Amino acid sequence: MTTQVLIVEDDPNIVDLIRSNLAVRGFDTLVSVDGARVLSLLETERPDMVLLDLMLPGTDGFELCRQIRERSEVAIIVVSARGGERDKVTALNMGADDYMTKPFGIEELMARILATLRRTRPSGQADAEEEAPVITIGEVEIDLGAQRVRRAGSEVHLTPTEFLLLRELALHRGKLLSRTHLLRRVWGHGYETETEYVRVYIRRLRAKLESPDGPPLIVTQPRAGYRIADLTRTNRIR
């Protein structure tokens, strides 16, 4: 099945560059030169990925990113001339899966597209190395086979990347995992310096899985990394 990419970009030179390189790799492309048609294209065309420029005429790119994420789990890579850390963190908080700064190398963009698609379209198969695919830590139950998470019996919606990060922490519960380890395992090689990604996604998991008045599920060790809390009395695998 052909992968379709929606390019949201008003610079025709960048559109032509991306389209031609995607075409030779077998991708189909759609183009929107502003934000007006993006949400309708999501519904009618159902693309696999959106490449989103933040600086569109008459459109708040961050708000558009948020609206896309509210309506769809489509993979989103922001490709923008805005290179500040605050812009990157804001885009990730709005639901972007990756962030590239212009000018960019086309080979790096193609690599990021493939890595993001692998991450956001998991196989759905249980981990072959896990004898028991359900892990319970405190009130959180992680079904590795079904890729579902429940908290106190209620299902919690996680994005594919959020689930992969939680899975990596849970499979090594009690063990401190460095940011570099998590970036390589969840995002892939080439992301080792993108420390903002881990911070943003850890915050997302905490907001969805921790109670304000309860014990922490994910513990931060400053300048070292993260680990799942040692809730030994309630940890179990089945």
C-alpha atoms as a PDB file:
ATOM      1  CA  MET A   1       0.000   0.000   0.000  1.00  0.00           C
ATOM      2  CA  THR A   2       1.396   3.389  -1.014  1.00  0.00           C
ATOM      3  CA  THR A   3       2.269   5.867   1.713  1.00  0.00           C
ATOM      4  CA  GLN A   4       0.767   9.329   1.236  1.00  0.00           C
ATOM      5  CA  VAL A   5       2.352  12.516   2.558  1.00  0.00           C
ATOM      6  CA  LEU A   6       0.529  15.843   2.885  1.00  0.00           C
ATOM      7  CA  ILE A   7       2.963  18.748   2.381  1.00  0.00           C
ATOM      8  CA  VAL A   8       1.741  21.976   3.986  1.00  0.00           C
ATOM      9  CA  GLU A   9       4.156  24.559   2.599  1.00  0.00           C
ATOM     10  CA  ASP A  10       3.869  27.837   0.659  1.00  0.00           C
ATOM     11  CA  ASP A  11       7.382  27.894  -0.840  1.00  0.00           C
ATOM     12  CA  PRO A  12       7.124  26.247  -4.307  1.00  0.00           C
ATOM     13  CA  ASN A  13      10.847  25.456  -4.424  1.00  0.00           C
ATOM     14  CA  ILE A  14      10.678  23.490  -1.179  1.00  0.00           C
ATOM     15  CA  VAL A  15       7.473  21.765  -2.320  1.00  0.00           C
ATOM     16  CA  ASP A  16       9.102  20.690  -5.591  1.00  0.00           C
ATOM     17  CA  LEU A  17      12.222  19.440  -3.798  1.00  0.00           C
ATOM     18  CA  ILE A  18      10.257  17.350  -1.310  1.00  0.00           C
ATOM     19  CA  ARG A  19       7.738  16.040  -3.845  1.00  0.00           C
ATOM     20  CA  SER A  20      10.386  14.887  -6.309  1.00  0.00           C
ATOM     21  CA  ASN A  21      12.404  13.087  -3.644  1.00  0.00           C
ATOM     22  CA  LEU A  22       9.316  11.421  -2.190  1.00  0.00           C
ATOM     23  CA  ALA A  23       8.129  10.371  -5.652  1.00  0.00           C
ATOM     24  CA  VAL A  24      11.342   8.496  -6.496  1.00  0.00           C
ATOM     25  CA  ARG A  25      10.943   6.610  -3.209  1.00  0.00           C
ATOM     26  CA  GLY A  26       7.400   5.544  -4.079  1.00  0.00           C
ATOM     27  CA  PHE A  27       5.424   8.009  -1.948  1.00  0.00           C
ATOM     28  CA  ASP A  28       2.253   9.764  -3.047  1.00  0.00           C
ATOM     29  CA  THR A  29       1.984  13.457  -2.158  1.00  0.00           C
ATOM     30  CA  LEU A  30      -0.678  16.084  -1.574  1.00  0.00           C
ATOM     31  CA  VAL A  31       0.057  19.795  -1.242  1.00  0.00           C
ATOM     32  CA  SER A  32      -1.658  22.619   0.637  1.00  0.00           C
ATOM     33  CA  VAL A  33      -0.071  26.059   0.336  1.00  0.00           C
ATOM     34  CA  ASP A  34      -1.914  27.355   3.407  1.00  0.00           C
ATOM     35  CA  GLY A  35      -3.743  25.949   6.398  1.00  0.00           C
ATOM     36  CA  ALA A  36      -7.259  26.409   5.056  1.00  0.00           C
ATOM     37  CA  ARG A  37      -7.673  22.971   3.436  1.00  0.00           C
ATOM     38  CA  VAL A  38      -5.551  20.880   5.749  1.00  0.00           C
ATOM     39  CA  LEU A  39      -8.258  19.639   8.101  1.00  0.00           C
ATOM     40  CA  SER A  40     -10.616  18.752   5.241  1.00  0.00           C
ATOM     41  CA  LEU A  41      -7.800  16.912   3.424  1.00  0.00           C
ATOM     42  CA  LEU A  42      -7.152  14.915   6.583  1.00  0.00           C
ATOM     43  CA  GLU A  43     -10.745  13.673   6.498  1.00  0.00           C
ATOM     44  CA  THR A  44     -11.078  13.057   2.763  1.00  0.00           C
ATOM     45  CA  GLU A  45      -7.588  11.778   1.863  1.00  0.00           C
ATOM     46  CA  ARG A  46      -6.383  10.294   5.178  1.00  0.00           C
ATOM     47  CA  PRO A  47      -2.636  10.833   4.591  1.00  0.00           C
ATOM     48  CA  ASP A  48      -0.062   8.842   6.546  1.00  0.00           C
ATOM     49  CA  MET A  49       2.053  11.879   7.343  1.00  0.00           C
ATOM     50  CA  VAL A  50       1.902  15.675   7.396  1.00  0.00           C
ATOM     51  CA  LEU A  51       4.981  17.820   6.716  1.00  0.00           C
ATOM     52  CA  LEU A  52       3.972  21.122   8.297  1.00  0.00           C
ATOM     53  CA  ASP A  53       5.540  24.544   7.877  1.00  0.00           C
ATOM     54  CA  LEU A  54       4.740  26.775  10.856  1.00  0.00           C
ATOM     55  CA  MET A  55       4.935  30.096   9.000  1.00  0.00           C
ATOM     56  CA  LEU A  56       1.936  29.877   6.695  1.00  0.00           C
ATOM     57  CA  PRO A  57      -0.005  32.876   5.337  1.00  0.00           C
ATOM     58  CA  GLY A  58      -2.942  33.707   7.564  1.00  0.00           C
ATOM     59  CA  THR A  59      -2.460  30.622   9.747  1.00  0.00           C
ATOM     60  CA  ASP A  60      -1.035  29.974  13.197  1.00  0.00           C
ATOM     61  CA  GLY A  61       1.114  26.913  12.542  1.00  0.00           C
ATOM     62  CA  PHE A  62       1.157  25.830  16.190  1.00  0.00           C
ATOM     63  CA  GLU A  63      -2.617  26.011  16.422  1.00  0.00           C
ATOM     64  CA  LEU A  64      -2.961  24.075  13.166  1.00  0.00           C
ATOM     65  CA  CYS A  65      -0.651  21.407  14.564  1.00  0.00           C
ATOM     66  CA  ARG A  66      -2.844  21.142  17.657  1.00  0.00           C
ATOM     67  CA  GLN A  67      -5.994  20.848  15.557  1.00  0.00           C
ATOM     68  CA  ILE A  68      -4.462  18.132  13.390  1.00  0.00           C
ATOM     69  CA  ARG A  69      -3.459  16.136  16.459  1.00  0.00           C
ATOM     70  CA  GLU A  70      -6.902  16.524  18.025  1.00  0.00           C
ATOM     71  CA  ARG A  71      -8.525  15.018  14.942  1.00  0.00           C
ATOM     72  CA  SER A  72      -6.005  12.388  13.875  1.00  0.00           C
ATOM     73  CA  GLU A  73      -3.053  10.226  14.880  1.00  0.00           C
ATOM     74  CA  VAL A  74      -1.357  11.019  11.562  1.00  0.00           C
ATOM     75  CA  ALA A  75       2.415  11.415  11.845  1.00  0.00           C
ATOM     76  CA  ILE A  76       3.430  15.099  11.938  1.00  0.00           C
ATOM     77  CA  ILE A  77       6.882  16.448  11.133  1.00  0.00           C
ATOM     78  CA  VAL A  78       7.256  20.205  11.486  1.00  0.00           C
ATOM     79  CA  VAL A  79       9.668  21.661   8.914  1.00  0.00           C
ATOM     80  CA  SER A  80      10.225  25.297   9.816  1.00  0.00           C
ATOM     81  CA  ALA A  81      12.672  28.197   9.633  1.00  0.00           C
ATOM     82  CA  ARG A  82      11.942  28.795  13.325  1.00  0.00           C
ATOM     83  CA  GLY A  83      14.847  27.029  14.973  1.00  0.00           C
ATOM     84  CA  GLY A  84      14.585  28.056  18.608  1.00  0.00           C
ATOM     85  CA  GLU A  85      14.268  25.479  21.373  1.00  0.00           C
ATOM     86  CA  ARG A  86      11.045  27.106  22.582  1.00  0.00           C
ATOM     87  CA  ASP A  87       9.472  26.689  19.129  1.00  0.00           C
ATOM     88  CA  LYS A  88      10.519  23.056  19.019  1.00  0.00           C
ATOM     89  CA  VAL A  89       9.125  22.306  22.477  1.00  0.00           C
ATOM     90  CA  THR A  90       5.890  24.129  21.685  1.00  0.00           C
ATOM     91  CA  ALA A  91       5.428  22.120  18.482  1.00  0.00           C
ATOM     92  CA  LEU A  92       6.070  18.847  20.325  1.00  0.00           C
ATOM     93  CA  ASN A  93       3.598  19.863  23.022  1.00  0.00           C
ATOM     94  CA  MET A  94       1.037  20.587  20.306  1.00  0.00           C
ATOM     95  CA  GLY A  95       1.401  17.031  19.018  1.00  0.00           C
ATOM     96  CA  ALA A  96       4.253  17.054  16.495  1.00  0.00           C
ATOM     97  CA  ASP A  97       6.242  13.832  16.263  1.00  0.00           C
ATOM     98  CA  ASP A  98       9.422  15.440  14.955  1.00  0.00           C
ATOM     99  CA  TYR A  99      10.859  18.877  14.182  1.00  0.00           C
ATOM    100  CA  MET A 100      13.346  19.908  11.500  1.00  0.00           C
ATOM    101  CA  THR A 101      14.801  23.362  10.961  1.00  0.00           C
ATOM    102  CA  LYS A 102      15.233  24.953   7.528  1.00  0.00           C
ATOM    103  CA  PRO A 103      17.511  24.833   5.668  1.00  0.00           C
ATOM    104  CA  PHE A 104      17.659  21.039   5.813  1.00  0.00           C
ATOM    105  CA  GLY A 105      19.399  18.265   3.930  1.00  0.00           C
ATOM    106  CA  ILE A 106      16.978  16.252   1.835  1.00  0.00           C
ATOM    107  CA  GLU A 107      18.562  12.942   2.836  1.00  0.00           C
ATOM    108  CA  GLU A 108      18.124  13.796   6.512  1.00  0.00           C
ATOM    109  CA  LEU A 109      14.482  14.682   5.873  1.00  0.00           C
ATOM    110  CA  MET A 110      13.906  11.383   4.074  1.00  0.00           C
ATOM    111  CA  ALA A 111      15.543   9.520   6.965  1.00  0.00           C
ATOM    112  CA  ARG A 112      13.347  11.370   9.473  1.00  0.00           C
ATOM    113  CA  ILE A 113      10.230  10.558   7.461  1.00  0.00           C
ATOM    114  CA  LEU A 114      11.044   6.849   7.432  1.00  0.00           C
ATOM    115  CA  ALA A 115      11.981   6.811  11.128  1.00  0.00           C
ATOM    116  CA  THR A 116       8.792   8.634  12.115  1.00  0.00           C
ATOM    117  CA  LEU A 117       6.607   6.299  10.057  1.00  0.00           C
ATOM    118  CA  ARG A 118       8.239   3.257  11.671  1.00  0.00           C
ATOM    119  CA  ARG A 119       7.637   4.737  15.107  1.00  0.00           C
ATOM    120  CA  THR A 120       4.072   5.896  14.575  1.00  0.00           C
ATOM    121  CA  ARG A 121       2.904   2.827  12.681  1.00  0.00           C
ATOM    122  CA  PRO A 122       3.989  -0.033  14.986  1.00  0.00           C
ATOM    123  CA  SER A 123       3.399  -3.600  13.854  1.00  0.00           C
ATOM    124  CA  GLY A 124       0.871  -4.335  16.562  1.00  0.00           C
ATOM    125  CA  GLN A 125       2.545  -7.638  17.387  1.00  0.00           C
ATOM    126  CA  ALA A 126       3.510  -8.663  20.895  1.00  0.00           C
ATOM    127  CA  ASP A 127       7.153  -8.446  21.794  1.00  0.00           C
ATOM    128  CA  ALA A 128       8.649 -11.832  21.024  1.00  0.00           C
ATOM    129  CA  GLU A 129      11.022 -11.662  23.982  1.00  0.00           C
ATOM    130  CA  GLU A 130       8.277 -11.085  26.534  1.00  0.00           C
ATOM    131  CA  GLU A 131       6.865 -14.264  28.045  1.00  0.00           C
ATOM    132  CA  ALA A 132       4.042 -12.317  29.685  1.00  0.00           C
ATOM    133  CA  PRO A 133       2.860  -9.270  27.736  1.00  0.00           C
ATOM    134  CA  VAL A 134       0.932  -7.521  30.539  1.00  0.00           C
ATOM    135  CA  ILE A 135       2.877  -5.443  33.070  1.00  0.00           C
ATOM    136  CA  THR A 136       1.164  -3.860  36.064  1.00  0.00           C
ATOM    137  CA  ILE A 137       2.902  -1.094  38.002  1.00  0.00           C
ATOM    138  CA  GLY A 138       0.800   0.408  40.747  1.00  0.00           C
ATOM    139  CA  GLU A 139      -2.595   1.232  39.234  1.00  0.00           C
ATOM    140  CA  VAL A 140      -1.218   1.274  35.680  1.00  0.00           C
ATOM    141  CA  GLU A 141      -1.626  -1.839  33.501  1.00  0.00           C
ATOM    142  CA  ILE A 142       0.389  -2.031  30.271  1.00  0.00           C
ATOM    143  CA  ASP A 143      -0.727  -4.652  27.748  1.00  0.00           C
ATOM    144  CA  LEU A 144       2.255  -4.999  25.423  1.00  0.00           C
ATOM    145  CA  GLY A 145       0.481  -7.370  23.056  1.00  0.00           C
ATOM    146  CA  ALA A 146      -2.624  -5.252  22.509  1.00  0.00           C
ATOM    147  CA  GLN A 147      -0.685  -1.986  22.948  1.00  0.00           C
ATOM    148  CA  ARG A 148      -3.235  -0.732  25.457  1.00  0.00           C
ATOM    149  CA  VAL A 149      -2.821   1.019  28.781  1.00  0.00           C
ATOM    150  CA  ARG A 150      -5.269   1.214  31.669  1.00  0.00           C
ATOM    151  CA  ARG A 151      -5.109   3.323  34.797  1.00  0.00           C
ATOM    152  CA  ALA A 152      -7.268   2.241  37.736  1.00  0.00           C
ATOM    153  CA  GLY A 153      -9.256   0.103  35.300  1.00  0.00           C
ATOM    154  CA  SER A 154      -9.956   2.870  32.777  1.00  0.00           C
ATOM    155  CA  GLU A 155      -8.328   2.842  29.359  1.00  0.00           C
ATOM    156  CA  VAL A 156      -5.854   5.645  28.687  1.00  0.00           C
ATOM    157  CA  HIS A 157      -5.219   6.796  25.134  1.00  0.00           C
ATOM    158  CA  LEU A 158      -1.528   7.042  24.286  1.00  0.00           C
ATOM    159  CA  THR A 159      -0.015   8.036  20.971  1.00  0.00           C
ATOM    160  CA  PRO A 160       2.263   5.406  19.376  1.00  0.00           C
ATOM    161  CA  THR A 161       5.389   7.271  20.496  1.00  0.00           C
ATOM    162  CA  GLU A 162       4.061   7.685  24.045  1.00  0.00           C
ATOM    163  CA  PHE A 163       3.376   3.958  24.186  1.00  0.00           C
ATOM    164  CA  LEU A 164       6.844   3.058  22.898  1.00  0.00           C
ATOM    165  CA  LEU A 165       8.458   5.259  25.543  1.00  0.00           C
ATOM    166  CA  LEU A 166       6.333   3.781  28.335  1.00  0.00           C
ATOM    167  CA  ARG A 167       7.051   0.281  27.034  1.00  0.00           C
ATOM    168  CA  GLU A 168      10.809   0.856  27.114  1.00  0.00           C
ATOM    169  CA  LEU A 169      10.654   2.166  30.681  1.00  0.00           C
ATOM    170  CA  ALA A 170       8.337  -0.637  31.827  1.00  0.00           C
ATOM    171  CA  LEU A 171      10.443  -3.421  30.326  1.00  0.00           C
ATOM    172  CA  HIS A 172      13.387  -2.077  32.339  1.00  0.00           C
ATOM    173  CA  ARG A 173      11.384  -1.117  35.449  1.00  0.00           C
ATOM    174  CA  GLY A 174      13.570  -0.115  38.354  1.00  0.00           C
ATOM    175  CA  LYS A 175      16.531   0.533  36.033  1.00  0.00           C
ATOM    176  CA  LEU A 176      17.778   4.040  35.277  1.00  0.00           C
ATOM    177  CA  LEU A 177      17.653   4.701  31.518  1.00  0.00           C
ATOM    178  CA  SER A 178      19.616   7.594  30.074  1.00  0.00           C
ATOM    179  CA  ARG A 179      18.090  10.092  27.665  1.00  0.00           C
ATOM    180  CA  THR A 180      20.453   8.832  24.969  1.00  0.00           C
ATOM    181  CA  HIS A 181      19.250   5.249  25.500  1.00  0.00           C
ATOM    182  CA  LEU A 182      15.593   6.311  25.276  1.00  0.00           C
ATOM    183  CA  LEU A 183      16.175   8.443  22.188  1.00  0.00           C
ATOM    184  CA  ARG A 184      17.898   5.583  20.388  1.00  0.00           C
ATOM    185  CA  ARG A 185      15.365   2.956  21.395  1.00  0.00           C
ATOM    186  CA  VAL A 186      12.201   5.005  20.850  1.00  0.00           C
ATOM    187  CA  TRP A 187      13.099   7.574  18.180  1.00  0.00           C
ATOM    188  CA  GLY A 188      16.041   5.839  16.506  1.00  0.00           C
ATOM    189  CA  HIS A 189      19.675   6.530  15.652  1.00  0.00           C
ATOM    190  CA  GLY A 190      20.344  10.123  14.730  1.00  0.00           C
ATOM    191  CA  TYR A 191      18.106  11.533  17.476  1.00  0.00           C
ATOM    192  CA  GLU A 192      20.630  11.284  20.323  1.00  0.00           C
ATOM    193  CA  THR A 193      20.921  15.059  20.781  1.00  0.00           C
ATOM    194  CA  GLU A 194      17.160  15.748  20.726  1.00  0.00           C
ATOM    195  CA  THR A 195      16.823  15.812  24.516  1.00  0.00           C
ATOM    196  CA  GLU A 196      13.709  18.006  24.340  1.00  0.00           C
ATOM    197  CA  TYR A 197      11.818  15.067  22.851  1.00  0.00           C
ATOM    198  CA  VAL A 198      12.289  12.942  25.975  1.00  0.00           C
ATOM    199  CA  ARG A 199      11.366  15.764  28.333  1.00  0.00           C
ATOM    200  CA  VAL A 200       8.164  16.577  26.473  1.00  0.00           C
ATOM    201  CA  TYR A 201       7.014  12.973  26.182  1.00  0.00           C
ATOM    202  CA  ILE A 202       7.825  12.180  29.806  1.00  0.00           C
ATOM    203  CA  ARG A 203       5.622  15.123  30.796  1.00  0.00           C
ATOM    204  CA  ARG A 204       2.852  13.745  28.588  1.00  0.00           C
ATOM    205  CA  LEU A 205       3.044  10.319  30.216  1.00  0.00           C
ATOM    206  CA  ARG A 206       3.023  11.808  33.702  1.00  0.00           C
ATOM    207  CA  ALA A 207      -0.035  13.927  32.903  1.00  0.00           C
ATOM    208  CA  LYS A 208      -1.928  10.878  31.655  1.00  0.00           C
ATOM    209  CA  LEU A 209      -0.782   8.225  34.126  1.00  0.00           C
ATOM    210  CA  GLU A 210       0.074   9.865  37.456  1.00  0.00           C
ATOM    211  CA  SER A 211      -2.309  11.139  40.120  1.00  0.00           C
ATOM    212  CA  PRO A 212      -1.511  14.562  41.642  1.00  0.00           C
ATOM    213  CA  ASP A 213      -1.844  13.124  45.154  1.00  0.00           C
ATOM    214  CA  GLY A 214      -0.339   9.721  44.416  1.00  0.00           C
ATOM    215  CA  PRO A 215       3.197   8.332  44.155  1.00  0.00           C
ATOM    216  CA  PRO A 216       5.153   9.151  40.977  1.00  0.00           C
ATOM    217  CA  LEU A 217       5.158   6.513  38.250  1.00  0.00           C
ATOM    218  CA  ILE A 218       8.206   7.929  36.451  1.00  0.00           C
ATOM    219  CA  VAL A 219      11.171   9.159  38.471  1.00  0.00           C
ATOM    220  CA  THR A 220      13.687  11.685  37.116  1.00  0.00           C
ATOM    221  CA  GLN A 221      17.311  11.496  38.175  1.00  0.00           C
ATOM    222  CA  PRO A 222      18.762  14.910  37.256  1.00  0.00           C
ATOM    223  CA  ARG A 223      21.387  14.838  34.491  1.00  0.00           C
ATOM    224  CA  ALA A 224      21.150  11.041  34.379  1.00  0.00           C
ATOM    225  CA  GLY A 225      17.812   9.833  33.058  1.00  0.00           C
ATOM    226  CA  TYR A 226      14.486   8.256  34.035  1.00  0.00           C
ATOM    227  CA  ARG A 227      13.150   5.084  35.541  1.00  0.00           C
ATOM    228  CA  ILE A 228       9.811   3.578  36.417  1.00  0.00           C
ATOM    229  CA  ALA A 229       9.232   3.915  40.165  1.00  0.00           C
ATOM    230  CA  ASP A 230       9.898   0.848  42.293  1.00  0.00           C
ATOM    231  CA  LEU A 231       6.357   0.084  43.454  1.00  0.00           C
ATOM    232  CA  THR A 232       7.379  -3.397  44.542  1.00  0.00           C
ATOM    233  CA  ARG A 233       4.232  -4.322  46.413  1.00  0.00           C
ATOM    234  CA  THR A 234       2.068  -3.794  43.384  1.00  0.00           C
ATOM    235  CA  ASN A 235       4.371  -4.693  40.494  1.00  0.00           C
ATOM    236  CA  ARG A 236       3.450  -7.877  38.710  1.00  0.00           C
ATOM    237  CA  ILE A 237       3.698  -9.516  35.311  1.00  0.00           C
ATOM    238  CA  ARG A 238       1.278 -12.044  33.965  1.00  0.00           C
END
